[in-house]
C-alpha atoms as a PDB file:
ATOM      1  CA  UNK A   1      27.722  13.255 -15.848  1.00  0.00           C
ATOM      2  CA  UNK A   2      29.223   9.570 -14.650  1.00  0.00           C
ATOM      3  CA  UNK A   3      25.956   7.355 -14.331  1.00  0.00           C
ATOM      4  CA  UNK A   4      25.555   3.666 -13.538  1.00  0.00           C
ATOM      5  CA  UNK A   5      22.875   1.020 -13.967  1.00  0.00           C
ATOM      6  CA  UNK A   6      22.364  -1.783 -12.811  1.00  0.00           C
ATOM      7  CA  UNK A   7      20.360  -4.456 -15.249  1.00  0.00           C
ATOM      8  CA  UNK A   8      20.990  -1.933 -17.715  1.00  0.00           C
ATOM      9  CA  UNK A   9      20.617  -4.880 -20.870  1.00  0.00           C
ATOM     10  CA  UNK A  10      16.533  -5.264 -19.330  1.00  0.00           C
ATOM     11  CA  UNK A  11      13.211  -3.350 -21.359  1.00  0.00           C
ATOM     12  CA  UNK A  12      13.627  -0.547 -19.311  1.00  0.00           C
ATOM     13  CA  UNK A  13      18.028  -0.109 -18.618  1.00  0.00           C
ATOM     14  CA  UNK A  14      18.215  -0.336 -21.954  1.00  0.00           C
ATOM     15  CA  UNK A  15      16.596   2.652 -22.784  1.00  0.00           C
ATOM     16  CA  UNK A  16      17.614   4.906 -19.989  1.00  0.00           C
ATOM     17  CA  UNK A  17      21.635   3.889 -21.231  1.00  0.00           C
ATOM     18  CA  UNK A  18      20.375   4.578 -24.806  1.00  0.00           C
ATOM     19  CA  UNK A  19      18.880   7.671 -23.574  1.00  0.00           C
ATOM     20  CA  UNK A  20      21.959   8.644 -21.172  1.00  0.00           C
ATOM     21  CA  UNK A  21      24.353   8.242 -23.732  1.00  0.00           C
ATOM     22  CA  UNK A  22      23.108   9.994 -26.586  1.00  0.00           C
ATOM     23  CA  UNK A  23      23.699  13.193 -23.899  1.00  0.00           C
ATOM     24  CA  UNK A  24      26.672  12.533 -24.268  1.00  0.00           C
ATOM     25  CA  UNK A  25      27.088  11.459 -20.171  1.00  0.00           C
ATOM     26  CA  UNK A  26      29.887   8.480 -19.472  1.00  0.00           C
ATOM     27  CA  UNK A  27      27.326   5.545 -18.735  1.00  0.00           C
ATOM     28  CA  UNK A  28      28.445   2.185 -17.120  1.00  0.00           C
ATOM     29  CA  UNK A  29      26.123  -0.961 -17.074  1.00  0.00           C
ATOM     30  CA  UNK A  30      26.545  -3.698 -14.402  1.00  0.00           C
ATOM     31  CA  UNK A  31      25.612  -6.718 -15.906  1.00  0.00           C
ATOM     32  CA  UNK A  32      26.149 -10.703 -15.211  1.00  0.00           C
ATOM     33  CA  UNK A  33      27.722 -10.817 -18.301  1.00  0.00           C
ATOM     34  CA  UNK A  34      29.525  -8.546 -20.143  1.00  0.00           C
ATOM     35  CA  UNK A  35      28.640  -8.559 -24.011  1.00  0.00           C
ATOM     36  CA  UNK A  36      31.244  -8.076 -26.803  1.00  0.00           C
ATOM     37  CA  UNK A  37      28.882  -6.275 -28.839  1.00  0.00           C
ATOM     38  CA  UNK A  38      27.838  -2.939 -27.356  1.00  0.00           C
ATOM     39  CA  UNK A  39      28.104   0.512 -28.301  1.00  0.00           C
ATOM     40  CA  UNK A  40      31.712   2.450 -27.894  1.00  0.00           C
ATOM     41  CA  UNK A  41      29.727   5.047 -25.857  1.00  0.00           C
ATOM     42  CA  UNK A  42      28.655   2.755 -22.626  1.00  0.00           C
ATOM     43  CA  UNK A  43      30.852   0.727 -20.534  1.00  0.00           C
ATOM     44  CA  UNK A  44      29.282  -3.209 -19.567  1.00  0.00           C
ATOM     45  CA  UNK A  45      31.395  -4.075 -16.417  1.00  0.00           C
ATOM     46  CA  UNK A  46      30.121  -6.920 -14.557  1.00  0.00           C
ATOM     47  CA  UNK A  47      29.301  -7.810 -10.597  1.00  0.00           C
ATOM     48  CA  UNK A  48      32.228 -10.297  -9.893  1.00  0.00           C
ATOM     49  CA  UNK A  49      34.402  -7.332 -11.765  1.00  0.00           C
ATOM     50  CA  UNK A  50      33.151  -4.949  -9.357  1.00  0.00           C
ATOM     51  CA  UNK A  51      33.529  -7.607  -6.497  1.00  0.00           C
ATOM     52  CA  UNK A  52      37.448  -7.720  -7.264  1.00  0.00           C
ATOM     53  CA  UNK A  53      37.315  -4.160  -8.031  1.00  0.00           C
ATOM     54  CA  UNK A  54      34.407  -1.615  -6.930  1.00  0.00           C
ATOM     55  CA  UNK A  55      36.888   1.532  -8.311  1.00  0.00           C
ATOM     56  CA  UNK A  56      34.989   2.312 -11.368  1.00  0.00           C
ATOM     57  CA  UNK A  57      31.908   3.286  -9.511  1.00  0.00           C
ATOM     58  CA  UNK A  58      33.669   5.741  -7.751  1.00  0.00           C
ATOM     59  CA  UNK A  59      32.298   9.078  -7.904  1.00  0.00           C
ATOM     60  CA  UNK A  60      29.222   8.250  -9.143  1.00  0.00           C
ATOM     61  CA  UNK A  61      26.465  10.830  -9.536  1.00  0.00           C
ATOM     62  CA  UNK A  62      24.016   8.365  -9.356  1.00  0.00           C
ATOM     63  CA  UNK A  63      23.287   4.718  -9.596  1.00  0.00           C
ATOM     64  CA  UNK A  64      20.183   3.265 -10.706  1.00  0.00           C
ATOM     65  CA  UNK A  65      19.236  -0.286  -9.948  1.00  0.00           C
ATOM     66  CA  UNK A  66      17.022  -2.338 -11.664  1.00  0.00           C
ATOM     67  CA  UNK A  67      17.950  -5.741 -11.323  1.00  0.00           C
ATOM     68  CA  UNK A  68      16.114  -8.699 -10.638  1.00  0.00           C
ATOM     69  CA  UNK A  69      14.082 -11.679 -12.255  1.00  0.00           C
ATOM     70  CA  UNK A  70      11.089 -11.404 -14.066  1.00  0.00           C
ATOM     71  CA  UNK A  71       7.881 -11.759 -12.912  1.00  0.00           C
ATOM     72  CA  UNK A  72       6.257 -12.482 -16.103  1.00  0.00           C
ATOM     73  CA  UNK A  73       6.613 -16.329 -16.083  1.00  0.00           C
ATOM     74  CA  UNK A  74       4.098 -19.038 -13.855  1.00  0.00           C
ATOM     75  CA  UNK A  75       4.580 -18.395  -9.956  1.00  0.00           C
ATOM     76  CA  UNK A  76       5.448 -21.803  -8.990  1.00  0.00           C
ATOM     77  CA  UNK A  77       7.388 -21.946  -4.721  1.00  0.00           C
ATOM     78  CA  UNK A  78      10.767 -22.154  -6.990  1.00  0.00           C
ATOM     79  CA  UNK A  79      10.213 -19.195  -8.665  1.00  0.00           C
ATOM     80  CA  UNK A  80       8.471 -17.080  -6.590  1.00  0.00           C
ATOM     81  CA  UNK A  81      11.533 -17.489  -4.520  1.00  0.00           C
ATOM     82  CA  UNK A  82      13.802 -16.656  -7.116  1.00  0.00           C
ATOM     83  CA  UNK A  83      11.978 -13.256  -7.926  1.00  0.00           C
ATOM     84  CA  UNK A  84      11.948 -12.592  -4.032  1.00  0.00           C
ATOM     85  CA  UNK A  85      15.704 -13.607  -3.986  1.00  0.00           C
ATOM     86  CA  UNK A  86      16.604 -11.993  -6.830  1.00  0.00           C
ATOM     87  CA  UNK A  87      15.686  -8.612  -5.634  1.00  0.00           C
ATOM     88  CA  UNK A  88      17.265  -8.516  -2.338  1.00  0.00           C
ATOM     89  CA  UNK A  89      20.617  -9.923  -3.417  1.00  0.00           C
ATOM     90  CA  UNK A  90      20.852  -7.364  -5.979  1.00  0.00           C
ATOM     91  CA  UNK A  91      20.875  -4.832  -3.206  1.00  0.00           C
ATOM     92  CA  UNK A  92      22.914  -6.434  -1.074  1.00  0.00           C
ATOM     93  CA  UNK A  93      25.413  -7.132  -3.536  1.00  0.00           C
ATOM     94  CA  UNK A  94      25.026  -3.361  -4.537  1.00  0.00           C
ATOM     95  CA  UNK A  95      25.633  -2.591  -1.137  1.00  0.00           C
ATOM     96  CA  UNK A  96      28.425  -4.168  -0.575  1.00  0.00           C
ATOM     97  CA  UNK A  97      29.790  -2.971  -3.481  1.00  0.00           C
ATOM     98  CA  UNK A  98      28.932   0.794  -2.542  1.00  0.00           C
ATOM     99  CA  UNK A  99      30.377   0.570   1.029  1.00  0.00           C
ATOM    100  CA  UNK A 100      33.832  -0.289  -0.203  1.00  0.00           C
ATOM    101  CA  UNK A 101      33.652   3.242  -2.671  1.00  0.00           C
ATOM    102  CA  UNK A 102      35.649   6.274  -0.884  1.00  0.00           C
ATOM    103  CA  UNK A 103      33.228   8.368  -2.944  1.00  0.00           C
ATOM    104  CA  UNK A 104      29.800   7.013  -2.877  1.00  0.00           C
ATOM    105  CA  UNK A 105      27.096   7.801  -5.670  1.00  0.00           C
ATOM    106  CA  UNK A 106      25.293  11.248  -4.842  1.00  0.00           C
ATOM    107  CA  UNK A 107      21.969   9.262  -5.553  1.00  0.00           C
ATOM    108  CA  UNK A 108      20.788   5.470  -5.491  1.00  0.00           C
ATOM    109  CA  UNK A 109      17.335   4.944  -7.709  1.00  0.00           C
ATOM    110  CA  UNK A 110      16.019   1.457  -6.732  1.00  0.00           C
ATOM    111  CA  UNK A 111      13.517   0.161  -9.042  1.00  0.00           C
ATOM    112  CA  UNK A 112       9.845  -1.050  -6.918  1.00  0.00           C
ATOM    113  CA  UNK A 113       6.645  -1.684  -8.298  1.00  0.00           C
ATOM    114  CA  UNK A 114       3.559   0.084  -7.648  1.00  0.00           C
ATOM    115  CA  UNK A 115       2.401  -3.803  -6.000  1.00  0.00           C
ATOM    116  CA  UNK A 116       3.084  -2.956  -3.027  1.00  0.00           C
ATOM    117  CA  UNK A 117      -0.015  -1.231  -2.557  1.00  0.00           C
ATOM    118  CA  UNK A 118      -1.711  -4.292  -2.767  1.00  0.00           C
ATOM    119  CA  UNK A 119      -4.921  -4.149  -5.047  1.00  0.00           C
ATOM    120  CA  UNK A 120      -7.796  -2.352  -4.945  1.00  0.00           C
ATOM    121  CA  UNK A 121     -11.031  -1.926  -6.831  1.00  0.00           C
ATOM    122  CA  UNK A 122     -12.075   1.633  -4.956  1.00  0.00           C
ATOM    123  CA  UNK A 123      -8.764   3.498  -3.331  1.00  0.00           C
ATOM    124  CA  UNK A 124      -6.157   5.933  -5.178  1.00  0.00           C
ATOM    125  CA  UNK A 125      -2.809   5.528  -3.458  1.00  0.00           C
ATOM    126  CA  UNK A 126       0.071   8.103  -3.855  1.00  0.00           C
ATOM    127  CA  UNK A 127       3.392   8.202  -2.205  1.00  0.00           C
ATOM    128  CA  UNK A 128       2.183   8.693   0.907  1.00  0.00           C
ATOM    129  CA  UNK A 129       0.064   6.118   1.078  1.00  0.00           C
ATOM    130  CA  UNK A 130       0.428   3.055   3.756  1.00  0.00           C
ATOM    131  CA  UNK A 131       2.037  -0.074   2.705  1.00  0.00           C
ATOM    132  CA  UNK A 132       1.907  -3.555   4.098  1.00  0.00           C
ATOM    133  CA  UNK A 133       2.978  -7.644   3.186  1.00  0.00           C
ATOM    134  CA  UNK A 134      -0.989  -8.113   2.220  1.00  0.00           C
ATOM    135  CA  UNK A 135      -0.212 -10.581  -0.524  1.00  0.00           C
ATOM    136  CA  UNK A 136       3.195 -12.000  -2.719  1.00  0.00           C
ATOM    137  CA  UNK A 137       3.630  -8.552  -4.640  1.00  0.00           C
ATOM    138  CA  UNK A 138       3.122  -6.133  -2.129  1.00  0.00           C
ATOM    139  CA  UNK A 139       5.351  -8.280   0.294  1.00  0.00           C
ATOM    140  CA  UNK A 140       8.536  -8.744  -1.914  1.00  0.00           C
ATOM    141  CA  UNK A 141       7.832  -4.987  -2.661  1.00  0.00           C
ATOM    142  CA  UNK A 142       8.030  -4.108   0.823  1.00  0.00           C
ATOM    143  CA  UNK A 143      11.193  -6.451   1.804  1.00  0.00           C
ATOM    144  CA  UNK A 144      12.681  -5.151  -1.358  1.00  0.00           C
ATOM    145  CA  UNK A 145      12.482  -1.559  -0.461  1.00  0.00           C
ATOM    146  CA  UNK A 146      13.514  -2.276   3.100  1.00  0.00           C
ATOM    147  CA  UNK A 147      16.986  -3.644   2.542  1.00  0.00           C
ATOM    148  CA  UNK A 148      17.418  -0.489  -0.093  1.00  0.00           C
ATOM    149  CA  UNK A 149      16.165   1.512   3.598  1.00  0.00           C
ATOM    150  CA  UNK A 150      18.929  -0.403   5.440  1.00  0.00           C
ATOM    151  CA  UNK A 151      21.994  -0.252   3.232  1.00  0.00           C
ATOM    152  CA  UNK A 152      21.556   2.960   0.973  1.00  0.00           C
ATOM    153  CA  UNK A 153      21.065   4.952   4.023  1.00  0.00           C
ATOM    154  CA  UNK A 154      23.925   7.138   3.368  1.00  0.00           C
ATOM    155  CA  UNK A 155      22.804   9.572   0.355  1.00  0.00           C
ATOM    156  CA  UNK A 156      19.902  10.019  -1.009  1.00  0.00           C
ATOM    157  CA  UNK A 157      17.600   7.294  -2.077  1.00  0.00           C
ATOM    158  CA  UNK A 158      14.674   7.300  -4.572  1.00  0.00           C
ATOM    159  CA  UNK A 159      12.205   4.280  -4.874  1.00  0.00           C
ATOM    160  CA  UNK A 160      10.436   3.899  -8.088  1.00  0.00           C
ATOM    161  CA  UNK A 161       7.890   2.731  -7.888  1.00  0.00           C
ATOM    162  CA  UNK A 162       6.618   1.222 -11.762  1.00  0.00           C
ATOM    163  CA  UNK A 163       2.958   0.677 -13.712  1.00  0.00           C
ATOM    164  CA  UNK A 164       2.657  -0.701 -16.459  1.00  0.00           C
ATOM    165  CA  UNK A 165       5.240   0.351 -18.684  1.00  0.00           C
ATOM    166  CA  UNK A 166       4.379   0.683 -22.506  1.00  0.00           C
ATOM    167  CA  UNK A 167       7.134   0.205 -25.093  1.00  0.00           C
ATOM    168  CA  UNK A 168       7.875  -1.376 -28.063  1.00  0.00           C
ATOM    169  CA  UNK A 169       8.579  -5.041 -25.967  1.00  0.00           C
ATOM    170  CA  UNK A 170       7.061  -6.177 -22.410  1.00  0.00           C
ATOM    171  CA  UNK A 171       3.979  -6.394 -21.702  1.00  0.00           C
ATOM    172  CA  UNK A 172       1.876  -4.029 -24.533  1.00  0.00           C
ATOM    173  CA  UNK A 173       2.944  -5.974 -27.703  1.00  0.00           C
ATOM    174  CA  UNK A 174       0.741  -8.816 -25.537  1.00  0.00           C
ATOM    175  CA  UNK A 175      -1.427  -6.619 -24.723  1.00  0.00           C
ATOM    176  CA  UNK A 176      -2.368  -5.263 -28.261  1.00  0.00           C
ATOM    177  CA  UNK A 177      -2.376  -8.210 -30.234  1.00  0.00           C
ATOM    178  CA  UNK A 178      -5.954  -9.432 -29.267  1.00  0.00           C
ATOM    179  CA  UNK A 179      -7.022  -6.423 -30.862  1.00  0.00           C
ATOM    180  CA  UNK A 180      -4.925  -6.924 -33.603  1.00  0.00           C
ATOM    181  CA  UNK A 181      -6.604 -10.266 -34.433  1.00  0.00           C
ATOM    182  CA  UNK A 182      -9.710  -8.531 -34.173  1.00  0.00           C
ATOM    183  CA  UNK A 183     -10.635 -10.936 -30.753  1.00  0.00           C
ATOM    184  CA  UNK A 184     -10.134  -8.121 -28.015  1.00  0.00           C
ATOM    185  CA  UNK A 185     -12.231  -7.239 -25.419  1.00  0.00           C
ATOM    186  CA  UNK A 186     -12.028  -6.701 -21.369  1.00  0.00           C
ATOM    187  CA  UNK A 187     -10.434  -9.139 -18.952  1.00  0.00           C
ATOM    188  CA  UNK A 188     -12.551 -10.605 -16.475  1.00  0.00           C
ATOM    189  CA  UNK A 189     -15.296  -8.008 -15.279  1.00  0.00           C
ATOM    190  CA  UNK A 190     -12.658  -4.989 -16.906  1.00  0.00           C
ATOM    191  CA  UNK A 191     -13.292  -2.995 -14.317  1.00  0.00           C
ATOM    192  CA  UNK A 192      -9.698  -3.324 -12.294  1.00  0.00           C
ATOM    193  CA  UNK A 193      -7.108  -1.087 -12.232  1.00  0.00           C
ATOM    194  CA  UNK A 194      -3.950  -0.390 -14.534  1.00  0.00           C
ATOM    195  CA  UNK A 195      -1.867   2.339 -13.747  1.00  0.00           C
ATOM    196  CA  UNK A 196       0.424   2.568 -16.613  1.00  0.00           C
ATOM    197  CA  UNK A 197       3.322   4.976 -18.220  1.00  0.00           C
ATOM    198  CA  UNK A 198       4.630   5.307 -21.551  1.00  0.00           C
ATOM    199  CA  UNK A 199       8.699   4.367 -21.825  1.00  0.00           C
ATOM    200  CA  UNK A 200       9.830   7.746 -22.741  1.00  0.00           C
ATOM    201  CA  UNK A 201       8.159   9.148 -19.457  1.00  0.00           C
ATOM    202  CA  UNK A 202       9.389   6.438 -17.282  1.00  0.00           C
ATOM    203  CA  UNK A 203      13.194   7.554 -18.905  1.00  0.00           C
ATOM    204  CA  UNK A 204      12.721  10.936 -18.223  1.00  0.00           C
ATOM    205  CA  UNK A 205      11.240  10.919 -14.492  1.00  0.00           C
ATOM    206  CA  UNK A 206      14.103   8.041 -13.873  1.00  0.00           C
ATOM    207  CA  UNK A 207      16.324  10.916 -15.164  1.00  0.00           C
ATOM    208  CA  UNK A 208      13.839  13.732 -13.572  1.00  0.00           C
ATOM    209  CA  UNK A 209      14.930  11.825  -9.644  1.00  0.00           C
ATOM    210  CA  UNK A 210      18.573  11.945 -10.753  1.00  0.00           C
ATOM    211  CA  UNK A 211      18.976  15.839 -11.402  1.00  0.00           C
ATOM    212  CA  UNK A 212      16.539  17.223  -8.896  1.00  0.00           C
ATOM    213  CA  UNK A 213      18.084  16.762  -5.494  1.00  0.00           C
ATOM    214  CA  UNK A 214      14.374  17.882  -3.348  1.00  0.00           C
ATOM    215  CA  UNK A 215      12.915  14.191  -4.918  1.00  0.00           C
ATOM    216  CA  UNK A 216      13.696  11.065  -2.555  1.00  0.00           C
ATOM    217  CA  UNK A 217      12.163   8.060  -0.927  1.00  0.00           C
ATOM    218  CA  UNK A 218       8.919   6.436  -2.860  1.00  0.00           C
ATOM    219  CA  UNK A 219       7.883   8.001  -6.573  1.00  0.00           C
ATOM    220  CA  UNK A 220       4.820   6.613  -8.344  1.00  0.00           C
ATOM    221  CA  UNK A 221       5.956   5.860 -11.581  1.00  0.00           C
ATOM    222  CA  UNK A 222       2.718   5.703 -13.580  1.00  0.00           C
ATOM    223  CA  UNK A 223       0.714   8.170 -15.495  1.00  0.00           C
ATOM    224  CA  UNK A 224      -1.232  10.949 -12.934  1.00  0.00           C
ATOM    225  CA  UNK A 225      -4.415   9.025 -15.787  1.00  0.00           C
ATOM    226  CA  UNK A 226      -4.755   5.570 -14.325  1.00  0.00           C
ATOM    227  CA  UNK A 227      -7.900   3.696 -16.484  1.00  0.00           C
ATOM    228  CA  UNK A 228      -9.979   0.909 -16.016  1.00  0.00           C
ATOM    229  CA  UNK A 229      -8.728  -2.896 -18.130  1.00  0.00           C
ATOM    230  CA  UNK A 230     -12.062  -2.357 -20.007  1.00  0.00           C
ATOM    231  CA  UNK A 231     -11.400   2.027 -20.759  1.00  0.00           C
ATOM    232  CA  UNK A 232      -7.423   0.380 -21.757  1.00  0.00           C
ATOM    233  CA  UNK A 233      -9.058  -1.767 -23.596  1.00  0.00           C
ATOM    234  CA  UNK A 234     -11.353   0.460 -25.642  1.00  0.00           C
ATOM    235  CA  UNK A 235      -8.974   2.690 -25.852  1.00  0.00           C
ATOM    236  CA  UNK A 236      -6.219   0.298 -27.773  1.00  0.00           C
ATOM    237  CA  UNK A 237      -9.156  -0.605 -30.270  1.00  0.00           C
ATOM    238  CA  UNK A 238     -10.059   2.867 -31.021  1.00  0.00           C
ATOM    239  CA  UNK A 239      -6.594   3.690 -31.408  1.00  0.00           C
ATOM    240  CA  UNK A 240      -5.864   0.723 -33.591  1.00  0.00           C
ATOM    241  CA  UNK A 241      -9.367   0.499 -35.409  1.00  0.00           C
ATOM    242  CA  UNK A 242     -10.419  -2.721 -34.003  1.00  0.00           C
ATOM    243  CA  UNK A 243     -13.087  -3.592 -32.494  1.00  0.00           C
ATOM    244  CA  UNK A 244     -13.650  -4.407 -28.447  1.00  0.00           C
ATOM    245  CA  UNK A 245     -15.640  -6.625 -28.075  1.00  0.00           C
ATOM    246  CA  UNK A 246     -14.714 -10.475 -26.848  1.00  0.00           C
ATOM    247  CA  UNK A 247     -14.623 -11.225 -23.228  1.00  0.00           C
ATOM    248  CA  UNK A 248     -11.584 -13.246 -21.679  1.00  0.00           C
ATOM    249  CA  UNK A 249     -13.114 -14.789 -18.495  1.00  0.00           C
ATOM    250  CA  UNK A 250     -11.213 -15.178 -15.120  1.00  0.00           C
ATOM    251  CA  UNK A 251     -11.074 -18.727 -14.910  1.00  0.00           C
ATOM    252  CA  UNK A 252      -9.268 -18.693 -18.288  1.00  0.00           C
ATOM    253  CA  UNK A 253      -6.533 -16.613 -17.242  1.00  0.00           C
ATOM    254  CA  UNK A 254      -6.425 -18.616 -13.681  1.00  0.00           C
ATOM    255  CA  UNK A 255      -6.009 -21.861 -15.032  1.00  0.00           C
ATOM    256  CA  UNK A 256      -3.541 -20.427 -17.486  1.00  0.00           C
ATOM    257  CA  UNK A 257      -1.501 -18.321 -15.527  1.00  0.00           C
ATOM    258  CA  UNK A 258      -2.155 -19.690 -11.775  1.00  0.00           C
ATOM    259  CA  UNK A 259      -1.268 -17.363  -9.360  1.00  0.00           C
ATOM    260  CA  UNK A 260       0.141 -14.919 -11.786  1.00  0.00           C
ATOM    261  CA  UNK A 261      -2.993 -13.848 -13.365  1.00  0.00           C
ATOM    262  CA  UNK A 262      -3.476 -11.164 -10.482  1.00  0.00           C
ATOM    263  CA  UNK A 263      -1.065  -8.876 -12.748  1.00  0.00           C
ATOM    264  CA  UNK A 264      -3.745  -8.905 -15.414  1.00  0.00           C
ATOM    265  CA  UNK A 265      -6.952  -9.208 -12.845  1.00  0.00           C
ATOM    266  CA  UNK A 266      -6.138  -7.294 -10.200  1.00  0.00           C
ATOM    267  CA  UNK A 267      -4.977  -3.815  -9.469  1.00  0.00           C
ATOM    268  CA  UNK A 268      -4.282  -0.727  -7.729  1.00  0.00           C
ATOM    269  CA  UNK A 269      -5.022   2.819  -8.954  1.00  0.00           C
ATOM    270  CA  UNK A 270      -1.608   4.385  -8.153  1.00  0.00           C
ATOM    271  CA  UNK A 271      -0.806   8.348  -9.278  1.00  0.00           C
ATOM    272  CA  UNK A 272       2.405  10.069  -9.567  1.00  0.00           C
ATOM    273  CA  UNK A 273       1.581  13.004  -6.479  1.00  0.00           C
ATOM    274  CA  UNK A 274       5.185  13.364  -5.569  1.00  0.00           C
ATOM    275  CA  UNK A 275       6.346  13.587  -9.048  1.00  0.00           C
ATOM    276  CA  UNK A 276       3.950  16.063  -9.809  1.00  0.00           C
ATOM    277  CA  UNK A 277       4.612  18.706  -6.894  1.00  0.00           C
ATOM    278  CA  UNK A 278       8.459  18.120  -7.956  1.00  0.00           C
ATOM    279  CA  UNK A 279       7.214  19.612 -11.464  1.00  0.00           C
ATOM    280  CA  UNK A 280       7.915  16.257 -13.061  1.00  0.00           C
ATOM    281  CA  UNK A 281       5.873  17.258 -17.102  1.00  0.00           C
ATOM    282  CA  UNK A 282       4.479  13.940 -18.774  1.00  0.00           C
ATOM    283  CA  UNK A 283       5.099  13.969 -22.490  1.00  0.00           C
ATOM    284  CA  UNK A 284       1.770  11.376 -22.659  1.00  0.00           C
ATOM    285  CA  UNK A 285      -0.110  11.301 -19.333  1.00  0.00           C
ATOM    286  CA  UNK A 286      -3.101  10.004 -21.841  1.00  0.00           C
ATOM    287  CA  UNK A 287      -3.444   6.717 -22.643  1.00  0.00           C
ATOM    288  CA  UNK A 288      -5.093   7.902 -26.396  1.00  0.00           C
ATOM    289  CA  UNK A 289      -1.522   9.743 -27.164  1.00  0.00           C
ATOM    290  CA  UNK A 290       0.763   6.845 -25.275  1.00  0.00           C
ATOM    291  CA  UNK A 291      -0.889   4.397 -27.531  1.00  0.00           C
ATOM    292  CA  UNK A 292      -0.844   6.372 -30.518  1.00  0.00           C
ATOM    293  CA  UNK A 293       2.565   6.790 -30.638  1.00  0.00           C
ATOM    294  CA  UNK A 294       3.448   3.162 -30.026  1.00  0.00           C
ATOM    295  CA  UNK A 295       1.137   2.208 -33.394  1.00  0.00           C
ATOM    296  CA  UNK A 296       3.304   4.960 -35.249  1.00  0.00           C
ATOM    297  CA  UNK A 297       6.683   4.760 -34.074  1.00  0.00           C
END
């Protein structure tokens, strides 16, 4: 297959490009600045190159758009604007390029997030749940998805709503660090939900969505077994043989992180009903196995 990834040098994109390259596919990474050091099996092209000549993206089997400013920084007014605008800009920029193609991609896989559901301690959200702009993250995600629905309306579109992705980089190393230091414990009251997915399943799910014509619209990229923060921490401690005892007060995180603390102190219970209805099988559906694999990798 001929496949392209916008944001292919990032946390998820780098794993996805490696996975597809190993399968022998033609992989194109769309990035802001091309690297001189990359595998020969992967082609790099810049956004500016494509603005001048979109031909490299002709006749794609799929294009995956993962581009966007990181959420993992203090949410100042300026930063929040960059987070929102970078996501919208990537959609419209890609839409402008695809509009000029003679043979458009068979499917567009657009990144989104489970933050679109807002936060709740009691509700469970699947792909058929209603969404609304009730806080910063949900508002960004609603605008993000609406832009994709507008710009990619002439092909199959999959909106991958991602939870916390567990891998050797990203959030997980920071989440396990207190336990390695012997001071792990619940964050806040520990009752907030963590909707998570192992990186291997994240990559496989995107690949499955590309290969499965019946999948379109929102897809929750989360394990079928979300857990409360308290249980998430207990699992890390159990697998790493470290204590789970030292609570982190909410006010401390709010002081340190500001509004961004909502990523840790609040959450939502999102489940992947659509993926399972379409036959997707998780390699790591349960947290114990996911943490154990990361420990041994």
